[in-house]
């Protein structure tokens, strides 16, 4: 049996605590991003079949060969959604001729109100290239789960409601796999620079 000298015990305990902390942090990040322990790949995204703002059924296969910049929100959102979509639009404008390689996709979390015609009017404010997607409640919730999107309906006075939700832009690759994500406060310059680097 190997004995640890008494003088080294505090250092051994400290090393064990640091290792435990690192393992805990890795586990926390894995849970947040949905990373697979076996592959290290983030399990975000997947197949979907939703209706676009023109009433056509769209699936993830329609966007193969192009990057998708995906955002979940709703048209009645008073601040975060329009600010984030405007930022994404400005970033794409900075890419110039490279912009068509990325399709901005807005998926509603409020399908009860965000019908195709509503999305068409709403997204016109941010640019002609935006694709708006809606569907029935079950399908929308299924897609949101695949992207690890948080949202919950919050009643407001007068019988109406708002949707509390996470605000993240997801970049999906031309093969449909998750590439990275951006917090909504990144700003158009940094977003455009990162997108250009990945094209």
C-alpha atoms as a PDB file:
ATOM      1  CA  UNK A   1       0.000   0.000   0.000  1.00  0.00           C
ATOM      2  CA  UNK A   2       1.380   3.403  -0.994  1.00  0.00           C
ATOM      3  CA  UNK A   3       1.114   6.067   1.709  1.00  0.00           C
ATOM      4  CA  UNK A   4       0.826   9.752   0.860  1.00  0.00           C
ATOM      5  CA  UNK A   5       3.133  11.912   2.998  1.00  0.00           C
ATOM      6  CA  UNK A   6       1.081  13.988   5.444  1.00  0.00           C
ATOM      7  CA  UNK A   7       2.549  17.218   4.099  1.00  0.00           C
ATOM      8  CA  UNK A   8       1.139  16.437   0.641  1.00  0.00           C
ATOM      9  CA  UNK A   9      -2.425  15.732   1.792  1.00  0.00           C
ATOM     10  CA  UNK A  10      -3.684  19.338   1.371  1.00  0.00           C
ATOM     11  CA  UNK A  11      -2.292  19.432  -2.181  1.00  0.00           C
ATOM     12  CA  UNK A  12      -3.854  16.094  -3.073  1.00  0.00           C
ATOM     13  CA  UNK A  13      -7.213  17.280  -1.723  1.00  0.00           C
ATOM     14  CA  UNK A  14      -6.885  20.539  -3.664  1.00  0.00           C
ATOM     15  CA  UNK A  15      -6.099  18.674  -6.894  1.00  0.00           C
ATOM     16  CA  UNK A  16      -9.101  16.405  -6.337  1.00  0.00           C
ATOM     17  CA  UNK A  17     -11.357  19.411  -5.758  1.00  0.00           C
ATOM     18  CA  UNK A  18     -10.134  21.102  -8.953  1.00  0.00           C
ATOM     19  CA  UNK A  19     -10.669  17.905 -10.962  1.00  0.00           C
ATOM     20  CA  UNK A  20     -14.164  17.509  -9.529  1.00  0.00           C
ATOM     21  CA  UNK A  21     -14.956  21.115 -10.385  1.00  0.00           C
ATOM     22  CA  UNK A  22     -13.787  20.662 -13.954  1.00  0.00           C
ATOM     23  CA  UNK A  23     -15.868  17.509 -14.347  1.00  0.00           C
ATOM     24  CA  UNK A  24     -18.913  19.269 -12.925  1.00  0.00           C
ATOM     25  CA  UNK A  25     -18.450  22.214 -15.288  1.00  0.00           C
ATOM     26  CA  UNK A  26     -18.101  19.878 -18.277  1.00  0.00           C
ATOM     27  CA  UNK A  27     -21.270  18.074 -17.260  1.00  0.00           C
ATOM     28  CA  UNK A  28     -23.141  21.351 -16.844  1.00  0.00           C
ATOM     29  CA  UNK A  29     -22.108  22.557 -20.309  1.00  0.00           C
ATOM     30  CA  UNK A  30     -23.030  19.182 -21.791  1.00  0.00           C
ATOM     31  CA  UNK A  31     -26.511  19.442 -20.313  1.00  0.00           C
ATOM     32  CA  UNK A  32     -26.961  23.014 -21.548  1.00  0.00           C
ATOM     33  CA  UNK A  33     -25.796  22.368 -25.098  1.00  0.00           C
ATOM     34  CA  UNK A  34     -27.092  18.832 -25.413  1.00  0.00           C
ATOM     35  CA  UNK A  35     -23.645  17.520 -26.281  1.00  0.00           C
ATOM     36  CA  UNK A  36     -23.227  13.831 -26.826  1.00  0.00           C
ATOM     37  CA  UNK A  37     -20.732  12.304 -24.422  1.00  0.00           C
ATOM     38  CA  UNK A  38     -19.824   9.682 -27.013  1.00  0.00           C
ATOM     39  CA  UNK A  39     -19.132  11.996 -29.930  1.00  0.00           C
ATOM     40  CA  UNK A  40     -18.660  15.446 -28.394  1.00  0.00           C
ATOM     41  CA  UNK A  41     -21.112  16.803 -30.999  1.00  0.00           C
ATOM     42  CA  UNK A  42     -23.909  19.127 -29.902  1.00  0.00           C
ATOM     43  CA  UNK A  43     -27.271  17.488 -30.444  1.00  0.00           C
ATOM     44  CA  UNK A  44     -29.116  20.545 -31.711  1.00  0.00           C
ATOM     45  CA  UNK A  45     -31.504  20.664 -34.650  1.00  0.00           C
ATOM     46  CA  UNK A  46     -32.968  17.860 -36.684  1.00  0.00           C
ATOM     47  CA  UNK A  47     -35.799  17.125 -39.094  1.00  0.00           C
ATOM     48  CA  UNK A  48     -38.897  19.298 -39.303  1.00  0.00           C
ATOM     49  CA  UNK A  49     -41.893  19.893 -41.533  1.00  0.00           C
ATOM     50  CA  UNK A  50     -43.436  23.334 -41.055  1.00  0.00           C
ATOM     51  CA  UNK A  51     -45.355  25.877 -43.138  1.00  0.00           C
ATOM     52  CA  UNK A  52     -43.655  28.995 -44.472  1.00  0.00           C
ATOM     53  CA  UNK A  53     -45.094  32.487 -44.865  1.00  0.00           C
ATOM     54  CA  UNK A  54     -46.324  31.611 -48.359  1.00  0.00           C
ATOM     55  CA  UNK A  55     -48.242  28.564 -47.162  1.00  0.00           C
ATOM     56  CA  UNK A  56     -45.753  26.006 -48.495  1.00  0.00           C
ATOM     57  CA  UNK A  57     -44.509  23.040 -46.500  1.00  0.00           C
ATOM     58  CA  UNK A  58     -40.798  23.358 -45.810  1.00  0.00           C
ATOM     59  CA  UNK A  59     -38.438  20.773 -44.369  1.00  0.00           C
ATOM     60  CA  UNK A  60     -34.825  20.935 -43.241  1.00  0.00           C
ATOM     61  CA  UNK A  61     -33.871  19.259 -46.544  1.00  0.00           C
ATOM     62  CA  UNK A  62     -34.955  22.390 -48.450  1.00  0.00           C
ATOM     63  CA  UNK A  63     -31.963  24.239 -47.015  1.00  0.00           C
ATOM     64  CA  UNK A  64     -29.216  21.707 -47.698  1.00  0.00           C
ATOM     65  CA  UNK A  65     -26.187  23.288 -49.290  1.00  0.00           C
ATOM     66  CA  UNK A  66     -26.736  26.568 -47.446  1.00  0.00           C
ATOM     67  CA  UNK A  67     -26.173  27.679 -43.889  1.00  0.00           C
ATOM     68  CA  UNK A  68     -29.280  28.369 -41.816  1.00  0.00           C
ATOM     69  CA  UNK A  69     -29.322  31.154 -39.230  1.00  0.00           C
ATOM     70  CA  UNK A  70     -32.237  30.036 -37.066  1.00  0.00           C
ATOM     71  CA  UNK A  71     -34.110  32.123 -34.519  1.00  0.00           C
ATOM     72  CA  UNK A  72     -37.149  31.204 -32.415  1.00  0.00           C
ATOM     73  CA  UNK A  73     -39.518  34.006 -31.448  1.00  0.00           C
ATOM     74  CA  UNK A  74     -42.951  35.446 -32.144  1.00  0.00           C
ATOM     75  CA  UNK A  75     -44.347  38.379 -34.069  1.00  0.00           C
ATOM     76  CA  UNK A  76     -46.110  39.954 -31.068  1.00  0.00           C
ATOM     77  CA  UNK A  77     -42.803  40.212 -29.193  1.00  0.00           C
ATOM     78  CA  UNK A  78     -42.409  43.862 -28.180  1.00  0.00           C
ATOM     79  CA  UNK A  79     -38.634  44.144 -28.079  1.00  0.00           C
ATOM     80  CA  UNK A  80     -36.189  41.216 -28.106  1.00  0.00           C
ATOM     81  CA  UNK A  81     -37.382  39.514 -31.312  1.00  0.00           C
ATOM     82  CA  UNK A  82     -37.470  42.569 -33.582  1.00  0.00           C
ATOM     83  CA  UNK A  83     -34.142  43.784 -32.195  1.00  0.00           C
ATOM     84  CA  UNK A  84     -32.476  40.413 -32.816  1.00  0.00           C
ATOM     85  CA  UNK A  85     -33.960  40.009 -36.290  1.00  0.00           C
ATOM     86  CA  UNK A  86     -32.885  43.540 -37.244  1.00  0.00           C
ATOM     87  CA  UNK A  87     -29.377  42.763 -35.993  1.00  0.00           C
ATOM     88  CA  UNK A  88     -29.257  39.535 -38.018  1.00  0.00           C
ATOM     89  CA  UNK A  89     -30.513  41.403 -41.095  1.00  0.00           C
ATOM     90  CA  UNK A  90     -27.806  44.057 -40.693  1.00  0.00           C
ATOM     91  CA  UNK A  91     -25.123  41.388 -40.287  1.00  0.00           C
ATOM     92  CA  UNK A  92     -26.229  39.585 -43.447  1.00  0.00           C
ATOM     93  CA  UNK A  93     -26.220  42.876 -45.369  1.00  0.00           C
ATOM     94  CA  UNK A  94     -22.551  43.302 -44.443  1.00  0.00           C
ATOM     95  CA  UNK A  95     -21.709  40.010 -46.172  1.00  0.00           C
ATOM     96  CA  UNK A  96     -22.601  41.408 -49.583  1.00  0.00           C
ATOM     97  CA  UNK A  97     -22.375  38.802 -52.346  1.00  0.00           C
ATOM     98  CA  UNK A  98     -21.784  36.034 -49.775  1.00  0.00           C
ATOM     99  CA  UNK A  99     -25.105  36.628 -48.011  1.00  0.00           C
ATOM    100  CA  UNK A 100     -27.145  34.234 -50.206  1.00  0.00           C
ATOM    101  CA  UNK A 101     -25.109  31.355 -48.782  1.00  0.00           C
ATOM    102  CA  UNK A 102     -26.998  31.872 -45.515  1.00  0.00           C
ATOM    103  CA  UNK A 103     -30.777  31.682 -45.171  1.00  0.00           C
ATOM    104  CA  UNK A 104     -32.251  33.424 -42.120  1.00  0.00           C
ATOM    105  CA  UNK A 105     -35.039  31.284 -40.643  1.00  0.00           C
ATOM    106  CA  UNK A 106     -37.567  32.546 -38.110  1.00  0.00           C
ATOM    107  CA  UNK A 107     -39.558  29.815 -36.342  1.00  0.00           C
ATOM    108  CA  UNK A 108     -42.518  31.017 -34.318  1.00  0.00           C
ATOM    109  CA  UNK A 109     -43.159  29.819 -30.785  1.00  0.00           C
ATOM    110  CA  UNK A 110     -46.678  31.274 -30.980  1.00  0.00           C
ATOM    111  CA  UNK A 111     -48.390  29.346 -33.790  1.00  0.00           C
ATOM    112  CA  UNK A 112     -51.858  30.250 -32.486  1.00  0.00           C
ATOM    113  CA  UNK A 113     -51.342  33.847 -33.606  1.00  0.00           C
ATOM    114  CA  UNK A 114     -48.476  33.568 -36.082  1.00  0.00           C
ATOM    115  CA  UNK A 115     -50.255  32.230 -39.139  1.00  0.00           C
ATOM    116  CA  UNK A 116     -48.436  32.362 -42.503  1.00  0.00           C
ATOM    117  CA  UNK A 117     -49.956  35.709 -43.525  1.00  0.00           C
ATOM    118  CA  UNK A 118     -48.942  37.269 -40.201  1.00  0.00           C
ATOM    119  CA  UNK A 119     -45.382  36.036 -40.599  1.00  0.00           C
ATOM    120  CA  UNK A 120     -45.225  37.325 -44.151  1.00  0.00           C
ATOM    121  CA  UNK A 121     -46.141  40.855 -43.072  1.00  0.00           C
ATOM    122  CA  UNK A 122     -43.882  40.732 -40.021  1.00  0.00           C
ATOM    123  CA  UNK A 123     -40.765  39.447 -41.765  1.00  0.00           C
ATOM    124  CA  UNK A 124     -41.081  41.899 -44.654  1.00  0.00           C
ATOM    125  CA  UNK A 125     -39.664  44.497 -42.255  1.00  0.00           C
ATOM    126  CA  UNK A 126     -36.384  42.582 -41.980  1.00  0.00           C
ATOM    127  CA  UNK A 127     -35.717  41.617 -45.571  1.00  0.00           C
ATOM    128  CA  UNK A 128     -36.976  39.525 -48.449  1.00  0.00           C
ATOM    129  CA  UNK A 129     -34.674  36.592 -47.678  1.00  0.00           C
ATOM    130  CA  UNK A 130     -36.178  35.675 -44.319  1.00  0.00           C
ATOM    131  CA  UNK A 131     -38.097  32.417 -44.178  1.00  0.00           C
ATOM    132  CA  UNK A 132     -40.836  32.320 -41.550  1.00  0.00           C
ATOM    133  CA  UNK A 133     -42.053  28.957 -40.307  1.00  0.00           C
ATOM    134  CA  UNK A 134     -45.150  28.003 -38.357  1.00  0.00           C
ATOM    135  CA  UNK A 135     -47.293  24.931 -37.845  1.00  0.00           C
ATOM    136  CA  UNK A 136     -49.539  23.299 -35.319  1.00  0.00           C
ATOM    137  CA  UNK A 137     -48.657  23.499 -31.634  1.00  0.00           C
ATOM    138  CA  UNK A 138     -47.343  19.931 -31.460  1.00  0.00           C
ATOM    139  CA  UNK A 139     -44.971  20.321 -34.418  1.00  0.00           C
ATOM    140  CA  UNK A 140     -43.637  23.676 -33.234  1.00  0.00           C
ATOM    141  CA  UNK A 141     -42.976  22.305 -29.750  1.00  0.00           C
ATOM    142  CA  UNK A 142     -41.192  19.300 -31.253  1.00  0.00           C
ATOM    143  CA  UNK A 143     -38.837  21.490 -33.290  1.00  0.00           C
ATOM    144  CA  UNK A 144     -38.217  23.785 -30.317  1.00  0.00           C
ATOM    145  CA  UNK A 145     -37.219  20.791 -28.195  1.00  0.00           C
ATOM    146  CA  UNK A 146     -34.701  19.704 -30.819  1.00  0.00           C
ATOM    147  CA  UNK A 147     -33.084  23.133 -30.577  1.00  0.00           C
ATOM    148  CA  UNK A 148     -33.289  23.202 -26.760  1.00  0.00           C
ATOM    149  CA  UNK A 149     -35.405  26.364 -26.890  1.00  0.00           C
ATOM    150  CA  UNK A 150     -37.118  27.524 -23.719  1.00  0.00           C
ATOM    151  CA  UNK A 151     -40.501  29.224 -23.999  1.00  0.00           C
ATOM    152  CA  UNK A 152     -43.595  29.585 -21.847  1.00  0.00           C
ATOM    153  CA  UNK A 153     -46.903  31.397 -22.256  1.00  0.00           C
ATOM    154  CA  UNK A 154     -47.384  34.267 -19.764  1.00  0.00           C
ATOM    155  CA  UNK A 155     -50.924  35.676 -19.290  1.00  0.00           C
ATOM    156  CA  UNK A 156     -51.288  39.457 -19.379  1.00  0.00           C
ATOM    157  CA  UNK A 157     -54.056  41.728 -18.086  1.00  0.00           C
ATOM    158  CA  UNK A 158     -56.996  41.980 -20.472  1.00  0.00           C
ATOM    159  CA  UNK A 159     -56.951  38.331 -21.486  1.00  0.00           C
ATOM    160  CA  UNK A 160     -53.976  38.501 -23.851  1.00  0.00           C
ATOM    161  CA  UNK A 161     -50.565  36.922 -23.344  1.00  0.00           C
ATOM    162  CA  UNK A 162     -46.845  37.176 -24.020  1.00  0.00           C
ATOM    163  CA  UNK A 163     -44.282  34.457 -24.638  1.00  0.00           C
ATOM    164  CA  UNK A 164     -41.229  34.340 -22.414  1.00  0.00           C
ATOM    165  CA  UNK A 165     -38.444  32.642 -24.362  1.00  0.00           C
ATOM    166  CA  UNK A 166     -34.731  32.137 -24.798  1.00  0.00           C
ATOM    167  CA  UNK A 167     -33.108  34.368 -27.393  1.00  0.00           C
ATOM    168  CA  UNK A 168     -30.359  32.599 -29.316  1.00  0.00           C
ATOM    169  CA  UNK A 169     -29.346  32.509 -32.977  1.00  0.00           C
ATOM    170  CA  UNK A 170     -28.346  29.036 -34.155  1.00  0.00           C
ATOM    171  CA  UNK A 171     -26.029  28.532 -37.105  1.00  0.00           C
ATOM    172  CA  UNK A 172     -26.654  25.246 -38.906  1.00  0.00           C
ATOM    173  CA  UNK A 173     -24.228  24.052 -41.561  1.00  0.00           C
ATOM    174  CA  UNK A 174     -24.919  23.184 -45.203  1.00  0.00           C
ATOM    175  CA  UNK A 175     -25.181  19.550 -44.092  1.00  0.00           C
ATOM    176  CA  UNK A 176     -27.870  20.446 -41.548  1.00  0.00           C
ATOM    177  CA  UNK A 177     -25.602  19.946 -38.545  1.00  0.00           C
ATOM    178  CA  UNK A 178     -25.218  22.408 -35.699  1.00  0.00           C
ATOM    179  CA  UNK A 179     -22.197  24.710 -36.103  1.00  0.00           C
ATOM    180  CA  UNK A 180     -22.458  27.284 -33.313  1.00  0.00           C
ATOM    181  CA  UNK A 181     -24.801  29.685 -31.588  1.00  0.00           C
ATOM    182  CA  UNK A 182     -24.813  33.425 -30.924  1.00  0.00           C
ATOM    183  CA  UNK A 183     -26.266  35.358 -28.016  1.00  0.00           C
ATOM    184  CA  UNK A 184     -28.623  38.095 -29.176  1.00  0.00           C
ATOM    185  CA  UNK A 185     -26.326  40.886 -27.921  1.00  0.00           C
ATOM    186  CA  UNK A 186     -23.428  39.948 -30.248  1.00  0.00           C
ATOM    187  CA  UNK A 187     -24.129  42.882 -32.575  1.00  0.00           C
ATOM    188  CA  UNK A 188     -24.104  42.995 -36.392  1.00  0.00           C
ATOM    189  CA  UNK A 189     -20.366  43.615 -36.836  1.00  0.00           C
ATOM    190  CA  UNK A 190     -19.178  40.654 -34.770  1.00  0.00           C
ATOM    191  CA  UNK A 191     -21.902  38.411 -36.160  1.00  0.00           C
ATOM    192  CA  UNK A 192     -21.014  39.308 -39.741  1.00  0.00           C
ATOM    193  CA  UNK A 193     -17.304  38.753 -39.069  1.00  0.00           C
ATOM    194  CA  UNK A 194     -17.894  35.306 -37.606  1.00  0.00           C
ATOM    195  CA  UNK A 195     -20.290  34.280 -40.350  1.00  0.00           C
ATOM    196  CA  UNK A 196     -17.844  35.395 -43.043  1.00  0.00           C
ATOM    197  CA  UNK A 197     -15.076  33.395 -41.377  1.00  0.00           C
ATOM    198  CA  UNK A 198     -17.195  30.259 -41.583  1.00  0.00           C
ATOM    199  CA  UNK A 199     -18.383  30.624 -45.170  1.00  0.00           C
END
